[in-house]
Amino acid sequence: MRIIGYLDTKGYKTTVFKNNDKFIVKFESEFFEQVFKFKESSQIKNLNDIRNLIDLDFLNGIEVRFKEMYESSDTLFSRFFDDQKDDWIEIV
């Protein structure tokens, strides 16, 4: 697998890889990542084709999923740490 380029996306890093007959597009935020694979075809054969494929609607979906990931993570940590509070003895 090799890096063939980067996409200019606001708020996260986007790297495009080529591996055999697939293009792999990885979107990275600070703590999470989303990866999409596209099979090489007559319509998708290079980095420019990937740039054209990734449109505003697709990027909006990426943003929604990142928000959901952060919310899920926050919920998980708050549940974990709230449960831990009960185990501590209060010292006055």
C-alpha atoms as a PDB file:
ATOM      1  CA  MET A   1       0.000   0.000   0.000  1.00  0.00           C
ATOM      2  CA  ARG A   2       1.311   3.424  -0.881  1.00  0.00           C
ATOM      3  CA  ILE A   3       0.166   7.004  -0.398  1.00  0.00           C
ATOM      4  CA  ILE A   4      -0.830   8.593  -3.697  1.00  0.00           C
ATOM      5  CA  GLY A   5      -1.980  11.929  -2.298  1.00  0.00           C
ATOM      6  CA  TYR A   6      -4.058  13.997   0.066  1.00  0.00           C
ATOM      7  CA  LEU A   7      -7.443  15.669  -0.188  1.00  0.00           C
ATOM      8  CA  ASP A   8      -8.051  19.172   1.093  1.00  0.00           C
ATOM      9  CA  THR A   9     -10.798  18.628   3.675  1.00  0.00           C
ATOM     10  CA  LYS A  10     -11.610  21.113   6.399  1.00  0.00           C
ATOM     11  CA  GLY A  11     -11.292  19.856   9.958  1.00  0.00           C
ATOM     12  CA  TYR A  12      -9.520  16.573   9.327  1.00  0.00           C
ATOM     13  CA  LYS A  13      -6.661  14.989   7.434  1.00  0.00           C
ATOM     14  CA  THR A  14      -7.574  12.960   4.368  1.00  0.00           C
ATOM     15  CA  THR A  15      -5.071  10.555   2.841  1.00  0.00           C
ATOM     16  CA  VAL A  16      -5.566   8.516  -0.327  1.00  0.00           C
ATOM     17  CA  PHE A  17      -3.764   5.195  -0.657  1.00  0.00           C
ATOM     18  CA  LYS A  18      -3.464   2.752  -3.546  1.00  0.00           C
ATOM     19  CA  ASN A  19      -3.331  -0.958  -2.809  1.00  0.00           C
ATOM     20  CA  ASN A  20      -3.546  -3.397  -5.724  1.00  0.00           C
ATOM     21  CA  ASP A  21      -6.908  -2.701  -7.368  1.00  0.00           C
ATOM     22  CA  LYS A  22      -8.329  -0.512  -4.573  1.00  0.00           C
ATOM     23  CA  PHE A  23      -8.176   3.111  -3.552  1.00  0.00           C
ATOM     24  CA  ILE A  24      -8.361   3.616   0.198  1.00  0.00           C
ATOM     25  CA  VAL A  25      -9.458   6.989   1.517  1.00  0.00           C
ATOM     26  CA  LYS A  26      -8.761   7.627   5.202  1.00  0.00           C
ATOM     27  CA  PHE A  27     -10.338  10.565   7.049  1.00  0.00           C
ATOM     28  CA  GLU A  28      -8.639  11.330  10.389  1.00  0.00           C
ATOM     29  CA  SER A  29      -9.835  13.563  13.183  1.00  0.00           C
ATOM     30  CA  GLU A  30      -7.951  14.054  16.413  1.00  0.00           C
ATOM     31  CA  PHE A  31      -9.018  10.732  17.981  1.00  0.00           C
ATOM     32  CA  PHE A  32     -10.993   8.860  15.316  1.00  0.00           C
ATOM     33  CA  GLU A  33     -10.720   7.767  11.711  1.00  0.00           C
ATOM     34  CA  GLN A  34     -13.000   6.583   8.948  1.00  0.00           C
ATOM     35  CA  VAL A  35     -11.775   4.478   6.040  1.00  0.00           C
ATOM     36  CA  PHE A  36     -13.485   3.898   2.706  1.00  0.00           C
ATOM     37  CA  LYS A  37     -12.338   1.555  -0.050  1.00  0.00           C
ATOM     38  CA  PHE A  38     -13.159   2.035  -3.709  1.00  0.00           C
ATOM     39  CA  LYS A  39     -12.436  -0.555  -6.363  1.00  0.00           C
ATOM     40  CA  GLU A  40     -10.386   0.684  -9.289  1.00  0.00           C
ATOM     41  CA  SER A  41     -12.567   0.924 -12.389  1.00  0.00           C
ATOM     42  CA  SER A  42     -12.877   2.812 -15.659  1.00  0.00           C
ATOM     43  CA  GLN A  43     -14.485   5.674 -13.659  1.00  0.00           C
ATOM     44  CA  ILE A  44     -12.022   5.558 -10.747  1.00  0.00           C
ATOM     45  CA  LYS A  45      -8.429   5.171 -11.894  1.00  0.00           C
ATOM     46  CA  ASN A  46      -6.400   7.931 -10.219  1.00  0.00           C
ATOM     47  CA  LEU A  47      -6.238  10.549  -7.451  1.00  0.00           C
ATOM     48  CA  ASN A  48      -8.122  13.125  -9.505  1.00  0.00           C
ATOM     49  CA  ASP A  49     -11.024  10.690  -9.955  1.00  0.00           C
ATOM     50  CA  ILE A  50     -11.140  10.209  -6.174  1.00  0.00           C
ATOM     51  CA  ARG A  51     -11.159  14.008  -5.714  1.00  0.00           C
ATOM     52  CA  ASN A  52     -14.133  14.231  -8.058  1.00  0.00           C
ATOM     53  CA  LEU A  53     -15.905  11.342  -6.336  1.00  0.00           C
ATOM     54  CA  ILE A  54     -15.726  12.829  -2.823  1.00  0.00           C
ATOM     55  CA  ASP A  55     -18.442  15.487  -2.985  1.00  0.00           C
ATOM     56  CA  LEU A  56     -19.994  17.825  -0.409  1.00  0.00           C
ATOM     57  CA  ASP A  57     -22.807  15.421   0.505  1.00  0.00           C
ATOM     58  CA  PHE A  58     -20.289  12.656   1.193  1.00  0.00           C
ATOM     59  CA  LEU A  59     -18.156  15.007   3.318  1.00  0.00           C
ATOM     60  CA  ASN A  60     -21.233  16.082   5.279  1.00  0.00           C
ATOM     61  CA  GLY A  61     -21.849  12.416   6.085  1.00  0.00           C
ATOM     62  CA  ILE A  62     -18.239  12.101   7.263  1.00  0.00           C
ATOM     63  CA  GLU A  63     -18.764  15.072   9.576  1.00  0.00           C
ATOM     64  CA  VAL A  64     -21.992  13.593  11.002  1.00  0.00           C
ATOM     65  CA  ARG A  65     -20.286  10.250  11.695  1.00  0.00           C
ATOM     66  CA  PHE A  66     -17.342  11.974  13.425  1.00  0.00           C
ATOM     67  CA  LYS A  67     -19.788  13.849  15.680  1.00  0.00           C
ATOM     68  CA  GLU A  68     -21.560  10.570  16.468  1.00  0.00           C
ATOM     69  CA  MET A  69     -18.217   8.950  17.278  1.00  0.00           C
ATOM     70  CA  TYR A  70     -17.279  11.764  19.666  1.00  0.00           C
ATOM     71  CA  GLU A  71     -20.719  11.621  21.325  1.00  0.00           C
ATOM     72  CA  SER A  72     -20.481   7.832  21.758  1.00  0.00           C
ATOM     73  CA  SER A  73     -17.015   8.168  23.222  1.00  0.00           C
ATOM     74  CA  ASP A  74     -18.146  10.900  25.635  1.00  0.00           C
ATOM     75  CA  THR A  75     -21.107   8.751  26.725  1.00  0.00           C
ATOM     76  CA  LEU A  76     -18.851   5.749  27.275  1.00  0.00           C
ATOM     77  CA  PHE A  77     -16.322   7.688  29.341  1.00  0.00           C
ATOM     78  CA  SER A  78     -18.976   9.429  31.418  1.00  0.00           C
ATOM     79  CA  ARG A  79     -20.587   6.042  32.202  1.00  0.00           C
ATOM     80  CA  PHE A  80     -17.230   4.552  33.118  1.00  0.00           C
ATOM     81  CA  PHE A  81     -16.127   7.447  35.298  1.00  0.00           C
ATOM     82  CA  ASP A  82     -19.572   7.864  36.900  1.00  0.00           C
ATOM     83  CA  ASP A  83     -19.431   4.182  37.891  1.00  0.00           C
ATOM     84  CA  GLN A  84     -15.953   4.696  39.329  1.00  0.00           C
ATOM     85  CA  LYS A  85     -17.137   7.513  41.607  1.00  0.00           C
ATOM     86  CA  ASP A  86     -19.225   5.067  43.622  1.00  0.00           C
ATOM     87  CA  ASP A  87     -16.129   3.047  44.501  1.00  0.00           C
ATOM     88  CA  TRP A  88     -14.336   5.923  46.233  1.00  0.00           C
ATOM     89  CA  ILE A  89     -14.707   6.584  49.940  1.00  0.00           C
ATOM     90  CA  GLU A  90     -15.493  10.191  50.717  1.00  0.00           C
ATOM     91  CA  ILE A  91     -13.000  11.754  53.132  1.00  0.00           C
ATOM     92  CA  VAL A  92     -14.016  14.964  54.837  1.00  0.00           C
END
